[in-house]
């Protein structure tokens, strides 16, 4: 049974969640500029990346490595990092 408490110990935010968001976003953007097949099917690639990111986040909670709030905090930091990067670059 899941405990609904806010965990703040070691592992907050989830680095795996944050890295999955940032790395896969950059990978799809880079490949869509370099590979024409990825550019043609960019919507499908973004959907697959989204599914993979959700699977990474789910696996962290399922395996008991992180709590839900830690995974969501990693997700938010990853999204914030991407937004900040594309705002200034």
Protein backbone atom coordinates (compact mmCIF):
# COMPACT_ATOMS: atom_id res chain seq x y z
CA UNK A 1 0.00 0.00 0.00
CA UNK A 2 1.31 3.44 -0.89
CA UNK A 3 1.86 5.92 1.89
CA UNK A 4 0.66 9.41 1.04
CA UNK A 5 3.43 11.36 2.71
CA UNK A 6 5.80 13.89 1.27
CA UNK A 7 9.26 12.36 1.11
CA UNK A 8 12.17 14.78 1.23
CA UNK A 9 15.06 12.42 1.92
CA UNK A 10 17.86 11.50 -0.48
CA UNK A 11 16.60 11.12 -4.02
CA UNK A 12 14.43 14.20 -4.29
CA UNK A 13 13.99 15.17 -7.12
CA UNK A 14 14.13 12.03 -9.20
CA UNK A 15 17.15 12.37 -11.44
CA UNK A 16 15.93 9.61 -13.72
CA UNK A 17 12.68 11.45 -14.40
CA UNK A 18 14.45 14.74 -14.97
CA UNK A 19 17.04 13.19 -17.25
CA UNK A 20 14.40 11.30 -19.24
CA UNK A 21 12.52 14.52 -19.92
CA UNK A 22 15.55 16.58 -20.91
CA UNK A 23 17.57 13.98 -22.78
CA UNK A 24 14.74 12.58 -24.87
CA UNK A 25 13.48 16.06 -25.76
CA UNK A 26 16.92 17.10 -26.98
CA UNK A 27 17.35 13.81 -28.82
CA UNK A 28 14.12 14.21 -30.80
CA UNK A 29 14.85 17.86 -31.60
CA UNK A 30 18.38 17.03 -32.74
CA UNK A 31 17.34 14.04 -34.83
CA UNK A 32 14.45 15.91 -36.44
CA UNK A 33 16.96 18.44 -37.76
CA UNK A 34 19.47 15.83 -38.95
CA UNK A 35 17.35 12.90 -40.14
CA UNK A 36 14.55 13.52 -42.63
CA UNK A 37 12.56 10.42 -41.58
CA UNK A 38 12.33 11.71 -38.02
CA UNK A 39 11.28 15.14 -39.28
CA UNK A 40 8.47 13.58 -41.35
CA UNK A 41 7.15 11.58 -38.41
CA UNK A 42 7.91 14.05 -35.64
CA UNK A 43 4.45 13.76 -34.10
CA UNK A 44 4.85 9.99 -33.78
CA UNK A 45 8.37 10.43 -32.37
CA UNK A 46 7.14 12.92 -29.77
CA UNK A 47 4.33 10.52 -28.79
CA UNK A 48 6.80 7.64 -28.38
CA UNK A 49 9.11 9.86 -26.34
CA UNK A 50 6.20 10.87 -24.12
CA UNK A 51 5.30 7.22 -23.55
CA UNK A 52 8.93 6.40 -22.73
CA UNK A 53 9.14 9.31 -20.30
CA UNK A 54 5.95 8.20 -18.55
CA UNK A 55 7.28 4.64 -18.33
CA UNK A 56 10.49 5.87 -16.70
CA UNK A 57 8.53 7.89 -14.16
CA UNK A 58 6.14 5.00 -13.46
CA UNK A 59 9.02 2.55 -13.06
CA UNK A 60 10.67 4.71 -10.40
CA UNK A 61 7.51 4.64 -8.30
CA UNK A 62 6.73 0.99 -9.06
CA UNK A 63 10.19 -0.19 -8.03
CA UNK A 64 9.93 1.82 -4.83
CA UNK A 65 12.96 3.97 -5.54
CA UNK A 66 11.03 7.26 -5.34
CA UNK A 67 7.73 8.58 -4.11
CA UNK A 68 5.24 10.20 -6.46
CA UNK A 69 6.11 13.72 -5.32
CA UNK A 70 9.82 13.13 -6.03
CA UNK A 71 9.06 11.89 -9.54
CA UNK A 72 6.73 14.80 -10.25
CA UNK A 73 9.31 17.25 -8.91
CA UNK A 74 11.90 15.75 -11.29
CA UNK A 75 9.39 16.05 -14.13
CA UNK A 76 8.74 19.71 -13.33
CA UNK A 77 12.43 20.53 -13.10
CA UNK A 78 13.05 18.79 -16.43
CA UNK A 79 10.27 20.75 -18.12
CA UNK A 80 11.52 23.97 -16.54
CA UNK A 81 15.06 23.26 -17.78
CA UNK A 82 13.84 22.71 -21.32
CA UNK A 83 11.70 25.86 -21.27
CA UNK A 84 14.57 27.91 -19.88
CA UNK A 85 16.99 26.54 -22.46
CA UNK A 86 14.73 27.24 -25.43
CA UNK A 87 13.89 30.69 -24.09
CA UNK A 88 17.49 31.81 -24.02
CA UNK A 89 18.98 29.86 -26.94
